């Protein structure tokens, strides 16, 4: 698994990881220390949490929405890369493409077609 924070992005604010910045995450989503603090403070104050309950895009301008799209795309790519790492982990444990496909709700063939080349590429990069 890739633990290099410089190749990660906060899934909440879009901030690029850098040395010395703490990130936490799971299932592909990452959160920076500033967002942890922000959301801790937000959820600790019921009035603030209620005020923030509306989705942020409801108060965003068109320009702000367009500016957010690249960060969303990068976050999606980060989650996809994380999925490939998990598929690689499953294959390293000798789990079959049938088992992987079943866990994804697709056929063995669909799982293999989607991931086999990327898993092989990732394996080659990690041994190079």
N, C-alpha and C. Protein backbone atom coordinates (compact mmCIF):
# COMPACT_ATOMS: atom_id res chain seq x y z
N UNK A 1 0.84 -1.19 0.00
CA UNK A 1 0.00 0.00 0.00
C UNK A 1 0.88 1.25 0.00
N UNK A 2 0.41 2.25 -0.71
CA UNK A 2 1.15 3.50 -0.83
C UNK A 2 0.84 4.41 0.36
N UNK A 3 1.85 4.65 1.19
CA UNK A 3 1.67 5.49 2.38
C UNK A 3 2.34 6.86 2.23
N UNK A 4 2.77 7.19 1.04
CA UNK A 4 3.47 8.47 0.82
C UNK A 4 2.45 9.61 0.79
N UNK A 5 2.47 10.44 1.81
CA UNK A 5 1.50 11.52 1.94
C UNK A 5 1.60 12.52 0.79
N UNK A 6 2.74 12.63 0.14
CA UNK A 6 2.88 13.59 -0.96
C UNK A 6 2.11 13.15 -2.19
N UNK A 7 1.68 11.89 -2.22
CA UNK A 7 0.87 11.41 -3.35
C UNK A 7 -0.60 11.30 -2.98
N UNK A 8 -0.97 11.93 -1.88
CA UNK A 8 -2.37 11.90 -1.43
C UNK A 8 -2.96 13.31 -1.45
N UNK A 9 -4.26 13.35 -1.44
CA UNK A 9 -5.01 14.61 -1.45
C UNK A 9 -6.15 14.47 -0.45
N UNK A 10 -6.41 15.54 0.31
CA UNK A 10 -7.51 15.53 1.26
C UNK A 10 -8.82 15.43 0.48
N UNK A 11 -9.64 14.45 0.81
CA UNK A 11 -10.91 14.24 0.13
C UNK A 11 -11.95 15.28 0.53
N UNK A 12 -11.65 16.10 1.51
CA UNK A 12 -12.61 17.08 2.01
C UNK A 12 -12.33 18.49 1.51
N UNK A 13 -11.05 18.88 1.51
CA UNK A 13 -10.71 20.25 1.07
C UNK A 13 -9.88 20.26 -0.21
N UNK A 14 -9.36 19.10 -0.61
CA UNK A 14 -8.58 19.02 -1.83
C UNK A 14 -7.10 19.32 -1.66
N UNK A 15 -6.68 19.61 -0.45
CA UNK A 15 -5.28 19.95 -0.20
C UNK A 15 -4.35 18.80 -0.57
N UNK A 16 -3.30 19.12 -1.30
CA UNK A 16 -2.29 18.13 -1.67
C UNK A 16 -1.43 17.82 -0.46
N UNK A 17 -1.11 16.55 -0.25
CA UNK A 17 -0.26 16.16 0.85
C UNK A 17 1.15 16.68 0.67
N UNK A 18 1.81 16.89 1.78
CA UNK A 18 3.20 17.36 1.79
C UNK A 18 3.88 16.79 3.02
N UNK A 19 5.19 16.73 2.97
CA UNK A 19 5.95 16.22 4.12
C UNK A 19 5.59 17.04 5.36
N UNK A 20 5.40 16.36 6.47
CA UNK A 20 5.09 17.02 7.72
C UNK A 20 3.60 17.21 7.96
N UNK A 21 2.79 17.04 6.93
CA UNK A 21 1.33 17.17 7.08
C UNK A 21 0.77 15.80 7.43
N UNK A 22 -0.04 15.76 8.47
CA UNK A 22 -0.63 14.49 8.85
C UNK A 22 -1.94 14.28 8.10
N UNK A 23 -2.07 13.07 7.56
CA UNK A 23 -3.27 12.65 6.88
C UNK A 23 -3.78 11.39 7.57
N UNK A 24 -5.07 11.24 7.62
CA UNK A 24 -5.68 10.00 8.09
C UNK A 24 -6.62 9.56 6.99
N UNK A 25 -6.90 8.29 6.95
CA UNK A 25 -7.81 7.86 5.90
C UNK A 25 -8.21 6.42 6.03
N UNK A 26 -9.09 6.07 5.14
CA UNK A 26 -9.56 4.71 5.06
C UNK A 26 -10.44 4.56 3.84
N UNK A 27 -10.40 3.41 3.23
CA UNK A 27 -11.20 3.09 2.06
C UNK A 27 -11.02 4.12 0.95
N UNK A 28 -9.81 4.66 0.85
CA UNK A 28 -9.48 5.57 -0.24
C UNK A 28 -9.67 7.04 0.06
N UNK A 29 -10.52 7.36 1.00
CA UNK A 29 -10.72 8.75 1.37
C UNK A 29 -9.64 9.16 2.36
N UNK A 30 -9.13 10.37 2.19
CA UNK A 30 -8.10 10.88 3.07
C UNK A 30 -8.60 12.19 3.68
N UNK A 31 -8.13 12.51 4.87
CA UNK A 31 -8.50 13.77 5.51
C UNK A 31 -7.25 14.37 6.15
N UNK A 32 -7.04 15.68 5.91
CA UNK A 32 -5.87 16.36 6.46
C UNK A 32 -6.16 16.80 7.90
N UNK A 33 -5.09 17.12 8.61
CA UNK A 33 -5.23 17.51 10.02
C UNK A 33 -6.08 18.76 10.19
N UNK A 34 -6.01 19.70 9.24
CA UNK A 34 -6.84 20.91 9.34
C UNK A 34 -8.33 20.58 9.23
N UNK A 35 -8.68 19.66 8.34
CA UNK A 35 -10.09 19.27 8.21
C UNK A 35 -10.57 18.49 9.43
N UNK A 36 -9.69 17.67 10.00
CA UNK A 36 -10.06 16.96 11.23
C UNK A 36 -10.42 17.97 12.31
N UNK A 37 -9.57 18.98 12.48
CA UNK A 37 -9.83 20.03 13.47
C UNK A 37 -11.13 20.76 13.16
N UNK A 38 -11.30 21.16 11.90
CA UNK A 38 -12.50 21.89 11.48
C UNK A 38 -13.77 21.08 11.78
N UNK A 39 -13.79 19.82 11.35
CA UNK A 39 -15.00 19.02 11.54
C UNK A 39 -15.21 18.63 12.99
N UNK A 40 -14.15 18.48 13.76
CA UNK A 40 -14.30 18.23 15.19
C UNK A 40 -14.98 19.43 15.86
N UNK A 41 -14.49 20.62 15.53
CA UNK A 41 -15.10 21.83 16.09
C UNK A 41 -16.54 21.98 15.62
N UNK A 42 -16.79 21.70 14.36
CA UNK A 42 -18.13 21.83 13.81
C UNK A 42 -19.10 20.88 14.51
N UNK A 43 -18.71 19.63 14.67
CA UNK A 43 -19.60 18.64 15.26
C UNK A 43 -19.71 18.79 16.78
N UNK A 44 -18.80 19.52 17.38
CA UNK A 44 -18.86 19.77 18.82
C UNK A 44 -19.84 20.88 19.16
N UNK A 45 -20.24 21.65 18.16
CA UNK A 45 -21.16 22.77 18.35
C UNK A 45 -22.44 22.47 17.58
N UNK A 46 -23.51 22.11 18.30
CA UNK A 46 -24.76 21.70 17.66
C UNK A 46 -25.31 22.77 16.72
N UNK A 47 -25.26 24.03 17.14
CA UNK A 47 -25.78 25.10 16.29
C UNK A 47 -24.98 25.22 15.00
N UNK A 48 -23.66 25.12 15.10
CA UNK A 48 -22.81 25.20 13.91
C UNK A 48 -23.04 24.00 13.01
N UNK A 49 -23.20 22.83 13.61
CA UNK A 49 -23.45 21.62 12.81
C UNK A 49 -24.78 21.73 12.08
N UNK A 50 -25.79 22.25 12.76
CA UNK A 50 -27.10 22.43 12.10
C UNK A 50 -27.00 23.44 10.96
N UNK A 51 -26.25 24.52 11.17
CA UNK A 51 -26.09 25.54 10.14
C UNK A 51 -25.33 25.00 8.93
N UNK A 52 -24.43 24.07 9.16
CA UNK A 52 -23.62 23.50 8.07
C UNK A 52 -24.26 22.28 7.44
N UNK A 53 -25.45 21.91 7.88
CA UNK A 53 -26.09 20.70 7.39
C UNK A 53 -26.46 20.78 5.92
N UNK A 54 -26.71 21.98 5.43
CA UNK A 54 -27.05 22.13 4.01
C UNK A 54 -25.82 21.83 3.17
N UNK A 55 -25.99 21.14 2.05
CA UNK A 55 -24.84 20.84 1.19
C UNK A 55 -24.13 22.12 0.75
N UNK A 56 -22.80 22.12 0.73
CA UNK A 56 -22.06 23.34 0.41
C UNK A 56 -22.32 23.85 -1.00
N UNK A 57 -22.64 22.96 -1.94
CA UNK A 57 -22.86 23.40 -3.32
C UNK A 57 -24.10 24.27 -3.46
N UNK A 58 -24.99 24.24 -2.46
CA UNK A 58 -26.18 25.09 -2.53
C UNK A 58 -25.83 26.57 -2.39
N UNK A 59 -24.70 26.88 -1.78
CA UNK A 59 -24.30 28.28 -1.62
C UNK A 59 -23.07 28.64 -2.46
N UNK A 60 -22.68 27.74 -3.37
CA UNK A 60 -21.51 28.00 -4.21
C UNK A 60 -21.92 28.70 -5.50
N UNK A 61 -21.03 29.56 -5.98
CA UNK A 61 -21.23 30.19 -7.29
C UNK A 61 -20.89 29.18 -8.38
N UNK A 62 -21.27 29.50 -9.61
CA UNK A 62 -20.92 28.63 -10.74
C UNK A 62 -19.40 28.48 -10.84
N UNK A 63 -18.68 29.57 -10.64
CA UNK A 63 -17.22 29.53 -10.73
C UNK A 63 -16.64 28.61 -9.65
N UNK A 64 -17.20 28.65 -8.45
CA UNK A 64 -16.72 27.79 -7.37
C UNK A 64 -17.02 26.31 -7.67
N UNK A 65 -18.16 26.06 -8.27
CA UNK A 65 -18.50 24.68 -8.66
C UNK A 65 -17.50 24.17 -9.70
N UNK A 66 -17.24 24.99 -10.72
CA UNK A 66 -16.27 24.59 -11.74
C UNK A 66 -14.88 24.40 -11.15
N UNK A 67 -14.50 25.24 -10.21
CA UNK A 67 -13.18 25.14 -9.58
C UNK A 67 -13.05 23.87 -8.74
N UNK A 68 -14.16 23.35 -8.24
CA UNK A 68 -14.13 22.15 -7.40
C UNK A 68 -14.01 20.86 -8.22
N UNK A 69 -14.41 20.89 -9.47
CA UNK A 69 -14.44 19.67 -10.28
C UNK A 69 -13.08 18.99 -10.39
N UNK A 70 -11.97 19.71 -10.63
CA UNK A 70 -10.68 19.01 -10.71
C UNK A 70 -10.31 18.28 -9.39
N UNK A 71 -10.60 18.89 -8.26
CA UNK A 71 -10.30 18.23 -6.98
C UNK A 71 -11.15 16.98 -6.80
N UNK A 72 -12.40 17.05 -7.22
CA UNK A 72 -13.27 15.87 -7.13
C UNK A 72 -12.73 14.76 -8.03
N UNK A 73 -12.30 15.14 -9.21
CA UNK A 73 -11.73 14.16 -10.14
C UNK A 73 -10.46 13.52 -9.57
N UNK A 74 -9.61 14.33 -8.94
CA UNK A 74 -8.38 13.79 -8.35
C UNK A 74 -8.69 12.88 -7.17
N UNK A 75 -9.72 13.22 -6.40
CA UNK A 75 -10.13 12.36 -5.29
C UNK A 75 -10.67 11.03 -5.82
N UNK A 76 -11.44 11.09 -6.90
CA UNK A 76 -11.96 9.86 -7.50
C UNK A 76 -10.81 8.97 -7.98
N UNK A 77 -9.80 9.58 -8.58
CA UNK A 77 -8.64 8.81 -9.05
C UNK A 77 -7.90 8.20 -7.86
N UNK A 78 -7.82 8.94 -6.75
CA UNK A 78 -7.16 8.42 -5.54
C UNK A 78 -7.90 7.19 -5.02
N UNK A 79 -9.22 7.25 -4.99
CA UNK A 79 -10.01 6.11 -4.53
C UNK A 79 -9.83 4.93 -5.49
N UNK A 80 -9.81 5.20 -6.78
CA UNK A 80 -9.60 4.14 -7.77
C UNK A 80 -8.23 3.49 -7.59
N UNK A 81 -7.20 4.29 -7.36
CA UNK A 81 -5.87 3.75 -7.11
C UNK A 81 -5.86 2.88 -5.85
N UNK A 82 -6.59 3.32 -4.83
CA UNK A 82 -6.67 2.56 -3.58
C UNK A 82 -7.35 1.22 -3.83
N UNK A 83 -8.38 1.22 -4.66
CA UNK A 83 -9.06 -0.03 -5.01
C UNK A 83 -8.10 -0.98 -5.71
N UNK A 84 -7.29 -0.46 -6.62
CA UNK A 84 -6.31 -1.31 -7.30
C UNK A 84 -5.33 -1.89 -6.27
N UNK A 85 -4.91 -1.09 -5.29
CA UNK A 85 -4.01 -1.60 -4.26
C UNK A 85 -4.66 -2.75 -3.50
N UNK A 86 -5.94 -2.65 -3.21
CA UNK A 86 -6.64 -3.71 -2.50
C UNK A 86 -6.80 -4.95 -3.37
N UNK A 87 -7.05 -4.74 -4.66
CA UNK A 87 -7.13 -5.89 -5.56
C UNK A 87 -5.76 -6.57 -5.64
N UNK A 88 -4.70 -5.76 -5.70
CA UNK A 88 -3.34 -6.30 -5.70
C UNK A 88 -3.08 -7.10 -4.41
N UNK A 89 -3.53 -6.57 -3.28
CA UNK A 89 -3.40 -7.28 -2.01
C UNK A 89 -4.15 -8.62 -2.06
N UNK A 90 -5.37 -8.58 -2.57
CA UNK A 90 -6.16 -9.81 -2.67
C UNK A 90 -5.45 -10.84 -3.55
N UNK A 91 -4.92 -10.40 -4.68
CA UNK A 91 -4.21 -11.32 -5.58
C UNK A 91 -2.93 -11.86 -4.92
N UNK A 92 -2.24 -11.00 -4.14
CA UNK A 92 -1.02 -11.48 -3.46
C UNK A 92 -1.34 -12.55 -2.43
N UNK A 93 -2.57 -12.56 -1.96
CA UNK A 93 -3.02 -13.59 -1.01
C UNK A 93 -3.65 -14.78 -1.74
N UNK A 94 -3.45 -14.81 -3.04
CA UNK A 94 -3.93 -15.92 -3.88
C UNK A 94 -5.45 -16.01 -3.97
N UNK A 95 -6.14 -14.88 -3.74
CA UNK A 95 -7.58 -14.88 -3.93
C UNK A 95 -7.85 -14.86 -5.43
N UNK A 96 -8.85 -15.58 -5.85
CA UNK A 96 -9.11 -15.76 -7.28
C UNK A 96 -9.85 -14.55 -7.86
N UNK A 97 -9.77 -14.45 -9.19
CA UNK A 97 -10.55 -13.41 -9.87
C UNK A 97 -12.04 -13.65 -9.68
N UNK A 98 -12.45 -14.89 -9.51
CA UNK A 98 -13.85 -15.20 -9.25
C UNK A 98 -14.27 -14.60 -7.91
N UNK A 99 -13.43 -14.79 -6.88
CA UNK A 99 -13.74 -14.23 -5.56
C UNK A 99 -13.77 -12.70 -5.60
N UNK A 100 -12.81 -12.12 -6.29
CA UNK A 100 -12.74 -10.66 -6.38
C UNK A 100 -13.96 -10.13 -7.13
N UNK A 101 -14.28 -10.76 -8.25
CA UNK A 101 -15.46 -10.34 -9.01
C UNK A 101 -16.72 -10.43 -8.17
N UNK A 102 -16.87 -11.52 -7.43
CA UNK A 102 -18.06 -11.68 -6.57
C UNK A 102 -18.14 -10.57 -5.54
N UNK A 103 -16.99 -10.21 -4.95
CA UNK A 103 -17.01 -9.14 -3.93
C UNK A 103 -17.38 -7.79 -4.54
N UNK A 104 -17.10 -7.62 -5.84
CA UNK A 104 -17.45 -6.38 -6.54
C UNK A 104 -18.83 -6.43 -7.18
N UNK A 105 -19.44 -7.61 -7.16
CA UNK A 105 -20.76 -7.76 -7.78
C UNK A 105 -20.69 -7.84 -9.30
N UNK A 106 -19.54 -8.32 -9.81
CA UNK A 106 -19.36 -8.47 -11.25
C UNK A 106 -18.80 -9.87 -11.52
N UNK A 107 -18.72 -10.21 -12.78
CA UNK A 107 -18.17 -11.52 -13.14
C UNK A 107 -16.66 -11.55 -12.96
N UNK A 108 -16.14 -12.77 -12.93
CA UNK A 108 -14.69 -12.98 -12.90
C UNK A 108 -14.04 -12.24 -14.07
N UNK A 109 -14.62 -12.40 -15.25
CA UNK A 109 -14.07 -11.78 -16.45
C UNK A 109 -14.07 -10.26 -16.36
N UNK A 110 -15.14 -9.68 -15.85
CA UNK A 110 -15.22 -8.22 -15.73
C UNK A 110 -14.17 -7.71 -14.74
N UNK A 111 -13.99 -8.42 -13.65
CA UNK A 111 -12.97 -8.02 -12.66
C UNK A 111 -11.58 -8.11 -13.28
N UNK A 112 -11.31 -9.21 -13.96
CA UNK A 112 -10.01 -9.40 -14.59
C UNK A 112 -9.75 -8.32 -15.63
N UNK A 113 -10.75 -8.05 -16.48
CA UNK A 113 -10.56 -7.04 -17.53
C UNK A 113 -10.31 -5.65 -16.94
N UNK A 114 -10.97 -5.34 -15.84
CA UNK A 114 -10.82 -4.01 -15.25
C UNK A 114 -9.49 -3.84 -14.51
N UNK A 115 -9.02 -4.92 -13.85
CA UNK A 115 -7.92 -4.74 -12.92
C UNK A 115 -6.62 -5.49 -13.24
N UNK A 116 -6.65 -6.53 -14.01
CA UNK A 116 -5.46 -7.37 -14.16
C UNK A 116 -4.24 -6.58 -14.64
N UNK A 117 -4.40 -5.78 -15.67
CA UNK A 117 -3.26 -5.03 -16.21
C UNK A 117 -2.75 -4.01 -15.19
N UNK A 118 -3.66 -3.32 -14.50
CA UNK A 118 -3.24 -2.32 -13.51
C UNK A 118 -2.54 -2.97 -12.32
N UNK A 119 -3.01 -4.15 -11.90
CA UNK A 119 -2.36 -4.87 -10.80
C UNK A 119 -0.97 -5.30 -11.23
N UNK A 120 -0.84 -5.83 -12.44
CA UNK A 120 0.48 -6.23 -12.94
C UNK A 120 1.41 -5.03 -13.05
N UNK A 121 0.91 -3.88 -13.55
CA UNK A 121 1.73 -2.67 -13.64
C UNK A 121 2.18 -2.20 -12.27
N UNK A 122 1.27 -2.22 -11.30
CA UNK A 122 1.61 -1.78 -9.93
C UNK A 122 2.65 -2.71 -9.32
N UNK A 123 2.52 -4.00 -9.57
CA UNK A 123 3.48 -4.97 -9.04
C UNK A 123 4.87 -4.72 -9.62
N UNK A 124 4.92 -4.46 -10.93
CA UNK A 124 6.21 -4.18 -11.58
C UNK A 124 6.84 -2.90 -11.02
N UNK A 125 6.05 -1.87 -10.79
CA UNK A 125 6.59 -0.61 -10.23
C UNK A 125 7.13 -0.82 -8.83
N UNK A 126 6.46 -1.65 -8.04
CA UNK A 126 6.91 -1.83 -6.65
C UNK A 126 8.17 -2.68 -6.56
N UNK A 127 8.46 -3.49 -7.57
CA UNK A 127 9.68 -4.31 -7.54
C UNK A 127 10.83 -3.66 -8.30
N UNK A 128 10.56 -2.55 -8.97
CA UNK A 128 11.61 -1.86 -9.76
C UNK A 128 12.49 -0.99 -8.89
